[in-house]
Amino acid sequence: MMKHYENSSSCDMKKNWSHEKESCPDRVKGFNLCKKRNELRCFKQCQPISQPCNTGGDDDPITYYNYFISRTNFEFSGLVVVTNSGNPTSGCTMRVRVTDRAGGGASQVVATVSPGASVPIFVEGLISLDIACVSAETELPVPTTCSGEVIFDLEYCATKVCL
């Protein structure tokens, strides 16, 4: 379940904007503003990662799992932190694939997160984020799952209809 926080102090927003009775001007310098105004909003979410660890071989191909997809016109931009809580000596490595405006809308691997590490990723116009867990170990017992978390700290603009 995604959590949406409208009144986050990190976004420097006015509190309870939906209850304000402030009116927008009908016209500014000859332009009709249609009684709408853009406001900055926050999207914060912490999502656990628990998925199979693949070896990437013919019998066990690499599978990416989706952790974020935008089906809106909002431009989600900000920071995403991926943490791999696996064992540093025998855990799986995470490959983070991002599709965003900064990458031209193409999906590309932007980070590799080693077991026991965290990687911050700045995104601009995030469309989707996928993660694959891969183990290069063939001799040691490969863990069946990899685990961690993805923390989204994003901002986007939304239109407010003024009264």
C-alpha atoms as a PDB file:
ATOM      1  CA  MET A   1       0.000   0.000   0.000  1.00  0.00           C
ATOM      2  CA  MET A   2       1.414   3.362  -0.995  1.00  0.00           C
ATOM      3  CA  LYS A   3       1.385   6.158   1.542  1.00  0.00           C
ATOM      4  CA  HIS A   4       0.902   9.704   0.354  1.00  0.00           C
ATOM      5  CA  TYR A   5       1.801  12.594   2.595  1.00  0.00           C
ATOM      6  CA  GLU A   6       0.427  15.947   1.473  1.00  0.00           C
ATOM      7  CA  ASN A   7       1.615  18.043   4.416  1.00  0.00           C
ATOM      8  CA  SER A   8       5.287  17.151   4.651  1.00  0.00           C
ATOM      9  CA  SER A   9       7.571  19.816   6.038  1.00  0.00           C
ATOM     10  CA  SER A  10      10.325  18.839   3.590  1.00  0.00           C
ATOM     11  CA  CYS A  11       8.190  20.105   0.729  1.00  0.00           C
ATOM     12  CA  ASP A  12       7.622  23.514   2.341  1.00  0.00           C
ATOM     13  CA  MET A  13       3.900  23.370   1.605  1.00  0.00           C
ATOM     14  CA  LYS A  14       1.128  25.306   3.226  1.00  0.00           C
ATOM     15  CA  LYS A  15      -0.705  23.187   5.755  1.00  0.00           C
ATOM     16  CA  ASN A  16      -4.311  22.267   5.076  1.00  0.00           C
ATOM     17  CA  TRP A  17      -4.353  23.926   1.661  1.00  0.00           C
ATOM     18  CA  SER A  18      -7.640  22.238   0.811  1.00  0.00           C
ATOM     19  CA  HIS A  19      -9.344  24.104   3.655  1.00  0.00           C
ATOM     20  CA  GLU A  20      -8.066  27.542   2.722  1.00  0.00           C
ATOM     21  CA  LYS A  21     -10.487  30.090   1.304  1.00  0.00           C
ATOM     22  CA  GLU A  22      -7.784  31.974  -0.592  1.00  0.00           C
ATOM     23  CA  SER A  23      -8.927  32.954  -4.048  1.00  0.00           C
ATOM     24  CA  CYS A  24      -6.767  33.058  -7.148  1.00  0.00           C
ATOM     25  CA  PRO A  25      -6.944  36.040  -9.470  1.00  0.00           C
ATOM     26  CA  ASP A  26      -8.995  35.468 -12.617  1.00  0.00           C
ATOM     27  CA  ARG A  27      -6.451  37.228 -14.798  1.00  0.00           C
ATOM     28  CA  VAL A  28      -2.811  38.193 -14.449  1.00  0.00           C
ATOM     29  CA  LYS A  29      -1.284  40.418 -17.140  1.00  0.00           C
ATOM     30  CA  GLY A  30      -4.034  39.393 -19.564  1.00  0.00           C
ATOM     31  CA  PHE A  31      -3.703  35.625 -19.068  1.00  0.00           C
ATOM     32  CA  ASN A  32      -6.679  33.625 -17.844  1.00  0.00           C
ATOM     33  CA  LEU A  33      -5.434  31.346 -15.051  1.00  0.00           C
ATOM     34  CA  CYS A  34      -8.618  29.247 -15.134  1.00  0.00           C
ATOM     35  CA  LYS A  35      -8.709  29.458 -11.325  1.00  0.00           C
ATOM     36  CA  LYS A  36      -5.930  26.845 -11.008  1.00  0.00           C
ATOM     37  CA  ARG A  37      -2.495  26.902  -9.422  1.00  0.00           C
ATOM     38  CA  ASN A  38       0.306  24.364  -9.244  1.00  0.00           C
ATOM     39  CA  GLU A  39       1.472  23.163  -5.839  1.00  0.00           C
ATOM     40  CA  LEU A  40       4.398  21.005  -4.835  1.00  0.00           C
ATOM     41  CA  ARG A  41       3.453  17.746  -3.114  1.00  0.00           C
ATOM     42  CA  CYS A  42       5.447  14.900  -1.613  1.00  0.00           C
ATOM     43  CA  PHE A  43       5.321  11.172  -2.204  1.00  0.00           C
ATOM     44  CA  LYS A  44       7.095   9.168   0.504  1.00  0.00           C
ATOM     45  CA  GLN A  45       7.076   5.423   0.748  1.00  0.00           C
ATOM     46  CA  CYS A  46       9.227   2.675   2.218  1.00  0.00           C
ATOM     47  CA  GLN A  47       8.761  -0.656   0.490  1.00  0.00           C
ATOM     48  CA  PRO A  48      10.372  -3.964   1.512  1.00  0.00           C
ATOM     49  CA  ILE A  49      12.294  -6.061  -1.013  1.00  0.00           C
ATOM     50  CA  SER A  50      12.002  -9.837  -0.863  1.00  0.00           C
ATOM     51  CA  GLN A  51      12.449 -11.703  -4.107  1.00  0.00           C
ATOM     52  CA  PRO A  52      14.254 -14.710  -5.579  1.00  0.00           C
ATOM     53  CA  CYS A  53      17.993 -14.544  -6.144  1.00  0.00           C
ATOM     54  CA  ASN A  54      18.873 -15.608  -9.710  1.00  0.00           C
ATOM     55  CA  THR A  55      22.222 -16.820 -11.057  1.00  0.00           C
ATOM     56  CA  GLY A  56      21.665 -15.468 -14.564  1.00  0.00           C
ATOM     57  CA  GLY A  57      22.339 -18.833 -16.189  1.00  0.00           C
ATOM     58  CA  ASP A  58      20.202 -20.566 -18.804  1.00  0.00           C
ATOM     59  CA  ASP A  59      18.375 -22.510 -16.091  1.00  0.00           C
ATOM     60  CA  ASP A  60      17.886 -19.447 -13.887  1.00  0.00           C
ATOM     61  CA  PRO A  61      17.482 -16.255 -15.976  1.00  0.00           C
ATOM     62  CA  ILE A  62      17.580 -12.800 -14.371  1.00  0.00           C
ATOM     63  CA  THR A  63      14.097 -11.584 -13.473  1.00  0.00           C
ATOM     64  CA  TYR A  64      13.308  -7.934 -12.695  1.00  0.00           C
ATOM     65  CA  TYR A  65      10.489  -7.114 -10.251  1.00  0.00           C
ATOM     66  CA  ASN A  66       8.679  -3.790 -10.383  1.00  0.00           C
ATOM     67  CA  TYR A  67       8.637  -1.542  -7.293  1.00  0.00           C
ATOM     68  CA  PHE A  68       7.270   1.654  -8.840  1.00  0.00           C
ATOM     69  CA  ILE A  69       5.273   2.518 -11.938  1.00  0.00           C
ATOM     70  CA  SER A  70       3.652   5.838 -12.733  1.00  0.00           C
ATOM     71  CA  ARG A  71       0.438   5.843 -14.703  1.00  0.00           C
ATOM     72  CA  THR A  72      -0.121   9.559 -14.281  1.00  0.00           C
ATOM     73  CA  ASN A  73       1.119  12.741 -15.908  1.00  0.00           C
ATOM     74  CA  PHE A  74       2.886  13.752 -12.689  1.00  0.00           C
ATOM     75  CA  GLU A  75       6.653  14.265 -12.877  1.00  0.00           C
ATOM     76  CA  PHE A  76       7.995  12.365  -9.844  1.00  0.00           C
ATOM     77  CA  SER A  77      11.498  13.635  -9.070  1.00  0.00           C
ATOM     78  CA  GLY A  78      13.765  13.293  -6.077  1.00  0.00           C
ATOM     79  CA  LEU A  79      15.702  10.627  -4.216  1.00  0.00           C
ATOM     80  CA  VAL A  80      15.323   6.846  -4.136  1.00  0.00           C
ATOM     81  CA  VAL A  81      17.489   4.830  -1.727  1.00  0.00           C
ATOM     82  CA  VAL A  82      17.897   1.086  -2.309  1.00  0.00           C
ATOM     83  CA  THR A  83      19.232  -0.947   0.632  1.00  0.00           C
ATOM     84  CA  ASN A  84      20.442  -4.520   0.271  1.00  0.00           C
ATOM     85  CA  SER A  85      20.285  -6.218   3.677  1.00  0.00           C
ATOM     86  CA  GLY A  86      21.853  -9.455   2.437  1.00  0.00           C
ATOM     87  CA  ASN A  87      24.920 -11.098   3.976  1.00  0.00           C
ATOM     88  CA  PRO A  88      28.066  -9.349   2.603  1.00  0.00           C
ATOM     89  CA  THR A  89      29.899 -12.684   2.182  1.00  0.00           C
ATOM     90  CA  SER A  90      27.182 -14.786   0.555  1.00  0.00           C
ATOM     91  CA  GLY A  91      24.292 -12.502  -0.394  1.00  0.00           C
ATOM     92  CA  CYS A  92      22.908 -11.514  -3.771  1.00  0.00           C
ATOM     93  CA  THR A  93      23.690  -8.276  -5.581  1.00  0.00           C
ATOM     94  CA  MET A  94      20.764  -6.053  -6.619  1.00  0.00           C
ATOM     95  CA  ARG A  95      20.586  -4.461 -10.044  1.00  0.00           C
ATOM     96  CA  VAL A  96      18.372  -1.369 -10.088  1.00  0.00           C
ATOM     97  CA  ARG A  97      16.782  -0.490 -13.423  1.00  0.00           C
ATOM     98  CA  VAL A  98      15.178   2.947 -13.811  1.00  0.00           C
ATOM     99  CA  THR A  99      13.047   4.466 -16.544  1.00  0.00           C
ATOM    100  CA  ASP A 100      12.865   8.245 -16.208  1.00  0.00           C
ATOM    101  CA  ARG A 101      13.045  11.480 -18.159  1.00  0.00           C
ATOM    102  CA  ALA A 102      16.767  11.922 -17.353  1.00  0.00           C
ATOM    103  CA  GLY A 103      17.536   8.685 -19.200  1.00  0.00           C
ATOM    104  CA  GLY A 104      15.437   9.702 -22.177  1.00  0.00           C
ATOM    105  CA  GLY A 105      12.600   7.389 -21.175  1.00  0.00           C
ATOM    106  CA  ALA A 106      14.730   4.285 -21.818  1.00  0.00           C
ATOM    107  CA  SER A 107      15.057   1.617 -19.143  1.00  0.00           C
ATOM    108  CA  GLN A 108      18.638   1.199 -17.955  1.00  0.00           C
ATOM    109  CA  VAL A 109      20.533  -0.296 -15.026  1.00  0.00           C
ATOM    110  CA  VAL A 110      21.643   2.739 -12.993  1.00  0.00           C
ATOM    111  CA  ALA A 111      23.000   1.098  -9.845  1.00  0.00           C
ATOM    112  CA  THR A 112      24.375  -2.156  -8.484  1.00  0.00           C
ATOM    113  CA  VAL A 113      23.810  -2.597  -4.751  1.00  0.00           C
ATOM    114  CA  SER A 114      26.137  -5.025  -3.011  1.00  0.00           C
ATOM    115  CA  PRO A 115      24.938  -7.051  -0.003  1.00  0.00           C
ATOM    116  CA  GLY A 116      25.089  -4.962   3.169  1.00  0.00           C
ATOM    117  CA  ALA A 117      25.119  -1.652   1.239  1.00  0.00           C
ATOM    118  CA  SER A 118      22.777   1.209   0.327  1.00  0.00           C
ATOM    119  CA  VAL A 119      22.807   3.313  -2.839  1.00  0.00           C
ATOM    120  CA  PRO A 120      21.055   6.687  -3.319  1.00  0.00           C
ATOM    121  CA  ILE A 121      19.643   7.318  -6.794  1.00  0.00           C
ATOM    122  CA  PHE A 122      18.426  10.723  -7.955  1.00  0.00           C
ATOM    123  CA  VAL A 123      15.575  10.526 -10.455  1.00  0.00           C
ATOM    124  CA  GLU A 124      13.903  13.098 -12.666  1.00  0.00           C
ATOM    125  CA  GLY A 125      10.456  12.320 -14.028  1.00  0.00           C
ATOM    126  CA  LEU A 126      10.436   8.741 -12.683  1.00  0.00           C
ATOM    127  CA  ILE A 127       8.315   6.369 -14.755  1.00  0.00           C
ATOM    128  CA  SER A 128       9.299   2.982 -13.327  1.00  0.00           C
ATOM    129  CA  LEU A 129      11.826   1.279 -11.054  1.00  0.00           C
ATOM    130  CA  ASP A 130      12.653  -2.437 -11.237  1.00  0.00           C
ATOM    131  CA  ILE A 131      15.080  -4.562  -9.222  1.00  0.00           C
ATOM    132  CA  ALA A 132      16.740  -7.898 -10.010  1.00  0.00           C
ATOM    133  CA  CYS A 133      18.733  -9.975  -7.528  1.00  0.00           C
ATOM    134  CA  VAL A 134      21.731 -11.795  -8.977  1.00  0.00           C
ATOM    135  CA  SER A 135      24.377 -14.082  -7.511  1.00  0.00           C
ATOM    136  CA  ALA A 136      27.630 -14.683  -9.343  1.00  0.00           C
ATOM    137  CA  GLU A 137      28.519 -17.461  -6.913  1.00  0.00           C
ATOM    138  CA  THR A 138      28.334 -20.928  -8.363  1.00  0.00           C
ATOM    139  CA  GLU A 139      30.314 -22.820  -5.725  1.00  0.00           C
ATOM    140  CA  LEU A 140      28.876 -21.390  -2.499  1.00  0.00           C
ATOM    141  CA  PRO A 141      25.263 -22.079  -1.610  1.00  0.00           C
ATOM    142  CA  VAL A 142      23.264 -19.300  -3.232  1.00  0.00           C
ATOM    143  CA  PRO A 143      20.572 -17.800  -0.978  1.00  0.00           C
ATOM    144  CA  THR A 144      17.103 -18.406  -2.316  1.00  0.00           C
ATOM    145  CA  THR A 145      15.911 -14.863  -1.633  1.00  0.00           C
ATOM    146  CA  CYS A 146      17.430 -11.436  -1.343  1.00  0.00           C
ATOM    147  CA  SER A 147      15.996  -8.776   0.910  1.00  0.00           C
ATOM    148  CA  GLY A 148      16.199  -5.086   1.637  1.00  0.00           C
ATOM    149  CA  GLU A 149      14.096  -1.983   1.142  1.00  0.00           C
ATOM    150  CA  VAL A 150      13.400   0.840  -1.283  1.00  0.00           C
ATOM    151  CA  ILE A 151      12.761   4.301   0.152  1.00  0.00           C
ATOM    152  CA  PHE A 152      11.069   6.796  -2.151  1.00  0.00           C
ATOM    153  CA  ASP A 153      11.340  10.505  -1.266  1.00  0.00           C
ATOM    154  CA  LEU A 154       9.837  12.195  -4.302  1.00  0.00           C
ATOM    155  CA  GLU A 155       8.103  15.464  -5.142  1.00  0.00           C
ATOM    156  CA  TYR A 156       5.621  16.320  -7.870  1.00  0.00           C
ATOM    157  CA  CYS A 157       3.458  19.256  -8.900  1.00  0.00           C
ATOM    158  CA  ALA A 158      -0.310  19.025  -8.729  1.00  0.00           C
ATOM    159  CA  THR A 159      -2.938  21.509  -9.798  1.00  0.00           C
ATOM    160  CA  LYS A 160      -5.055  23.086  -7.090  1.00  0.00           C
ATOM    161  CA  VAL A 161      -8.430  24.520  -8.014  1.00  0.00           C
ATOM    162  CA  CYS A 162      -8.880  27.781  -6.116  1.00  0.00           C
ATOM    163  CA  LEU A 163     -12.206  28.906  -4.665  1.00  0.00           C
END
